[in-house]
Amino acid sequence: MSHIPTPHINAPEGAFAPTVLMPGDPLRSKYIAENYLEDAVLVNNVRGVQGYTGTYKGKRVSVMASGMGMPSIGIYSYELFNYYDVENIIRVGSAGALTDRLQLRDVVAAMSAYTDSNYGAQFGYRGTLAPSCSYRLLSAAMEAGMRLGVHIVPGPISSHDGFYSQGEYDSTPILQKLGVLCVEMEAYALYLNAVAAGKNALALLTISDSLVTGESLPAEDRQTTFTKMMEVALEIA
């Protein structure tokens, strides 16, 4: 029995390209489709989570939002990997810097993801899982960054279940001592789903705020101005 359409994606079979760019924000998905893809077609809009397929420099590419948090990206990436035959998902998201080496709008490639989430427990391993990105996608992104003049900082990131720090339970100082570059909310689940499905994933993250300096960018900038990250992702799609 076919699993298509899924409970969360109403696209027909074959609607998605082998590579899907996945921002968290549906408006960022719409922005990428309208500004970078030719002949973009809306293939999913369940719950307003917009997914499009079109072409970029002659190559078929899709973009679909993930929503916020690991449970959300966990659902969408699972369905894309396992039911729609998607081979690669490139998260194009925002993150908060944990080091003064990173400035607003810098681009990070998440080599591995730490977490405070219990998402990995479902995979049956009793130890601590620390999933990594696809090396093929990472190396392609680094090469594309050099061609496009985009400085990409590779390293470990941390995916959190909670957005707001909780006083004495704030893990920021510990993560900083461990050399973690930035924090976000989705990559850990994406990387585990990719490994379990035998597929590829990479998180490219633009620094939207800094836990060191307190600086931050407004929501509109996060939707429409993270073009360097978007262009690198499209180059390797």
Protein backbone atom coordinates (compact mmCIF):
# COMPACT_ATOMS: atom_id res chain seq x y z
CA MET A 1 0.00 0.00 0.00
CA SER A 2 1.34 3.42 -0.94
CA HIS A 3 2.12 5.88 1.87
CA ILE A 4 1.60 8.80 -0.54
CA PRO A 5 0.11 11.25 0.24
CA THR A 6 1.33 11.26 3.82
CA PRO A 7 -0.51 12.75 6.80
CA HIS A 8 1.60 15.91 6.44
CA ILE A 9 2.44 16.16 2.73
CA ASN A 10 -0.24 16.04 0.03
CA ALA A 11 2.13 16.05 -2.95
CA PRO A 12 1.81 13.25 -5.52
CA GLU A 13 4.53 10.69 -6.14
CA GLY A 14 7.50 12.18 -7.96
CA ALA A 15 6.63 15.75 -6.92
CA PHE A 16 9.94 16.30 -5.12
CA ALA A 17 13.42 16.50 -6.63
CA PRO A 18 16.20 14.28 -5.22
CA THR A 19 17.48 17.28 -3.23
CA VAL A 20 15.25 19.38 -0.97
CA LEU A 21 16.33 22.64 0.66
CA MET A 22 14.62 22.88 4.05
CA PRO A 23 14.30 26.21 5.87
CA GLY A 24 12.31 26.31 9.06
CA ASP A 25 10.14 29.23 7.98
CA PRO A 26 7.48 28.68 5.26
CA LEU A 27 8.02 32.29 4.16
CA ARG A 28 11.71 31.55 3.56
CA SER A 29 10.67 28.56 1.47
CA LYS A 30 8.41 30.83 -0.58
CA TYR A 31 11.21 33.40 -0.93
CA ILE A 32 13.68 30.82 -2.26
CA ALA A 33 11.13 29.45 -4.74
CA GLU A 34 10.13 32.88 -6.04
CA ASN A 35 13.63 34.34 -6.28
CA TYR A 36 15.81 31.40 -7.31
CA LEU A 37 13.74 28.65 -8.91
CA GLU A 38 12.42 28.74 -12.46
CA ASP A 39 8.92 27.40 -13.14
CA ALA A 40 8.40 26.75 -9.43
CA VAL A 41 5.23 24.83 -8.62
CA LEU A 42 3.61 24.64 -5.18
CA VAL A 43 3.48 20.90 -4.42
CA ASN A 44 2.56 20.99 -0.71
CA ASN A 45 0.68 23.40 1.52
CA VAL A 46 -0.68 21.20 4.30
CA ARG A 47 -0.75 23.30 7.50
CA GLY A 48 0.78 26.13 5.48
CA VAL A 49 4.12 24.31 5.25
CA GLN A 50 4.92 25.33 1.73
CA GLY A 51 6.86 23.05 -0.59
CA TYR A 52 7.89 23.94 -4.15
CA THR A 53 9.68 22.20 -7.00
CA GLY A 54 11.34 24.01 -9.89
CA THR A 55 14.74 24.26 -11.56
CA TYR A 56 17.96 26.06 -10.66
CA LYS A 57 20.51 26.44 -13.45
CA GLY A 58 18.71 23.69 -15.30
CA LYS A 59 18.68 21.24 -12.40
CA ARG A 60 15.45 20.13 -10.70
CA VAL A 61 15.38 21.27 -7.06
CA SER A 62 12.75 21.37 -4.31
CA VAL A 63 12.37 23.56 -1.24
CA MET A 64 10.01 22.91 1.66
CA ALA A 65 9.74 24.30 5.17
CA SER A 66 10.26 22.15 8.25
CA GLY A 67 8.59 24.24 10.92
CA MET A 68 10.32 24.76 14.27
CA GLY A 69 11.90 22.11 16.45
CA MET A 70 13.05 18.52 16.17
CA PRO A 71 9.62 16.85 16.24
CA SER A 72 8.54 18.99 13.29
CA ILE A 73 11.60 18.49 11.08
CA GLY A 74 11.60 14.87 12.22
CA ILE A 75 8.18 14.31 10.65
CA TYR A 76 8.84 16.12 7.37
CA SER A 77 12.33 14.75 6.77
CA TYR A 78 11.18 11.20 7.59
CA GLU A 79 8.36 11.37 5.07
CA LEU A 80 10.55 12.91 2.38
CA PHE A 81 13.37 10.39 2.86
CA ASN A 82 11.23 7.29 3.24
CA TYR A 83 8.15 7.90 1.10
CA TYR A 84 9.12 10.47 -1.55
CA ASP A 85 12.55 9.03 -2.45
CA VAL A 86 14.38 12.24 -1.54
CA GLU A 87 18.13 11.57 -1.33
CA ASN A 88 19.46 14.82 0.15
CA ILE A 89 18.02 17.38 2.55
CA ILE A 90 19.94 20.60 3.12
CA ARG A 91 18.66 22.57 6.08
CA VAL A 92 19.03 26.30 5.45
CA GLY A 93 18.31 27.84 8.81
CA SER A 94 19.26 30.40 11.41
CA ALA A 95 21.30 29.96 14.56
CA GLY A 96 22.57 31.79 17.61
CA ALA A 97 26.33 32.23 17.89
CA LEU A 98 28.12 30.91 20.98
CA THR A 99 31.51 32.39 20.11
CA ASP A 100 32.82 35.84 19.27
CA ARG A 101 34.48 34.26 16.23
CA LEU A 102 31.08 34.43 14.57
CA GLN A 103 29.36 37.64 13.54
CA LEU A 104 25.79 38.26 12.39
CA ARG A 105 25.18 36.77 8.89
CA ASP A 106 28.19 34.44 9.05
CA VAL A 107 27.51 30.96 7.63
CA VAL A 108 28.17 27.76 9.59
CA ALA A 109 28.25 24.20 8.24
CA ALA A 110 27.21 21.81 11.00
CA MET A 111 29.68 18.91 10.96
CA SER A 112 28.01 17.27 13.95
CA ALA A 113 25.12 18.02 16.28
CA TYR A 114 25.00 17.88 20.08
CA THR A 115 21.61 17.98 21.76
CA ASP A 116 19.62 18.16 24.99
CA SER A 117 16.75 16.30 23.30
CA ASN A 118 15.58 12.73 23.80
CA TYR A 119 14.84 12.41 20.07
CA GLY A 120 17.61 9.84 19.58
CA ALA A 121 16.15 7.38 22.11
CA GLN A 122 13.76 5.99 19.48
CA PHE A 123 16.72 4.56 17.53
CA GLY A 124 17.43 2.00 20.27
CA TYR A 125 20.97 2.93 21.28
CA ARG A 126 21.49 3.29 25.03
CA GLY A 127 24.52 5.55 24.76
CA THR A 128 24.77 9.13 23.54
CA LEU A 129 24.26 9.66 19.82
CA ALA A 130 26.22 12.44 18.08
CA PRO A 131 25.16 12.31 14.42
CA SER A 132 27.24 13.89 11.69
CA CYS A 133 26.40 15.46 8.37
CA SER A 134 27.03 13.87 4.99
CA TYR A 135 30.70 14.39 4.15
CA ARG A 136 29.84 14.54 0.45
CA LEU A 137 27.46 17.44 1.01
CA LEU A 138 29.85 19.14 3.44
CA SER A 139 32.82 19.01 1.06
CA ALA A 140 30.63 20.19 -1.83
CA ALA A 141 29.40 23.11 0.28
CA MET A 142 32.92 24.14 1.26
CA GLU A 143 34.01 24.06 -2.39
CA ALA A 144 30.92 26.02 -3.48
CA GLY A 145 31.59 28.58 -0.77
CA MET A 146 35.10 29.15 -2.11
CA ARG A 147 33.78 29.57 -5.67
CA LEU A 148 31.08 32.02 -4.56
CA GLY A 149 33.29 33.95 -2.14
CA VAL A 150 31.25 32.82 0.87
CA HIS A 151 33.27 32.11 4.00
CA ILE A 152 31.81 29.01 5.66
CA VAL A 153 32.83 28.00 9.18
CA PRO A 154 32.58 24.21 9.74
CA GLY A 155 32.26 22.72 13.20
CA PRO A 156 29.96 21.27 15.87
CA ILE A 157 26.60 22.84 16.67
CA SER A 158 23.94 22.08 19.27
CA SER A 159 20.23 21.45 18.67
CA HIS A 160 17.97 22.40 21.57
CA ASP A 161 14.39 21.54 22.45
CA GLY A 162 13.93 24.84 24.27
CA PHE A 163 14.39 28.27 22.72
CA TYR A 164 14.65 30.22 25.98
CA SER A 165 17.45 29.60 28.49
CA GLN A 166 16.24 28.61 31.94
CA GLY A 167 18.43 30.41 34.47
CA GLU A 168 20.73 28.04 36.33
CA TYR A 169 19.98 25.30 33.79
CA ASP A 170 21.38 27.31 30.88
CA SER A 171 23.95 25.11 29.13
CA THR A 172 25.55 27.96 27.15
CA PRO A 173 28.76 28.20 29.24
CA ILE A 174 29.35 24.44 28.99
CA LEU A 175 28.82 24.39 25.23
CA GLN A 176 31.16 27.34 24.81
CA LYS A 177 33.91 25.50 26.72
CA LEU A 178 33.38 22.48 24.44
CA GLY A 179 33.90 24.59 21.31
CA VAL A 180 30.34 24.44 20.02
CA LEU A 181 29.85 27.16 17.41
CA CYS A 182 26.14 27.90 17.65
CA VAL A 183 22.72 26.67 18.73
CA GLU A 184 19.56 25.92 16.75
CA MET A 185 16.61 23.52 17.02
CA GLU A 186 16.51 21.02 14.15
CA ALA A 187 19.78 19.56 12.80
CA TYR A 188 20.12 16.70 15.30
CA ALA A 189 16.83 15.11 14.26
CA LEU A 190 17.51 15.67 10.57
CA TYR A 191 20.93 13.99 10.79
CA LEU A 192 19.57 10.95 12.64
CA ASN A 193 16.71 10.51 10.16
CA ALA A 194 19.15 10.72 7.27
CA VAL A 195 21.48 8.09 8.72
CA ALA A 196 18.60 5.75 9.53
CA ALA A 197 17.24 6.06 5.98
CA GLY A 198 20.66 5.73 4.32
CA LYS A 199 20.33 9.25 2.92
CA ASN A 200 22.31 12.51 3.13
CA ALA A 201 21.83 15.66 5.18
CA LEU A 202 23.64 18.92 5.86
CA ALA A 203 22.68 21.96 7.93
CA LEU A 204 23.88 25.32 6.64
CA LEU A 205 23.13 27.97 9.24
CA THR A 206 23.27 31.75 9.11
CA ILE A 207 23.97 33.51 12.38
CA SER A 208 20.87 35.55 13.19
CA ASP A 209 21.74 36.47 16.77
CA SER A 210 24.61 36.20 19.20
CA LEU A 211 24.51 34.84 22.73
CA VAL A 212 27.87 36.58 23.25
CA THR A 213 27.07 40.15 22.18
CA GLY A 214 23.27 40.14 22.43
CA GLU A 215 22.89 41.34 18.83
CA SER A 216 20.03 40.00 16.69
CA LEU A 217 18.40 40.42 13.30
CA PRO A 218 14.67 41.13 12.77
CA ALA A 219 12.31 38.45 11.43
CA GLU A 220 12.09 40.03 7.96
CA ASP A 221 15.87 39.84 7.56
CA ARG A 222 15.80 36.16 8.53
CA GLN A 223 13.22 35.52 5.80
CA THR A 224 14.79 37.38 2.91
CA THR A 225 18.45 38.29 3.42
CA PHE A 226 20.24 35.01 4.12
CA THR A 227 21.09 34.76 0.44
CA LYS A 228 24.70 33.55 0.76
CA MET A 229 23.57 30.40 2.55
CA MET A 230 20.75 29.86 0.06
CA GLU A 231 23.06 30.21 -2.95
CA VAL A 232 25.61 27.73 -1.57
CA ALA A 233 22.84 25.22 -0.92
CA LEU A 234 21.41 25.65 -4.41
CA GLU A 235 24.86 25.20 -5.97
CA ILE A 236 25.24 21.75 -4.40
CA ALA A 237 21.62 20.63 -4.87
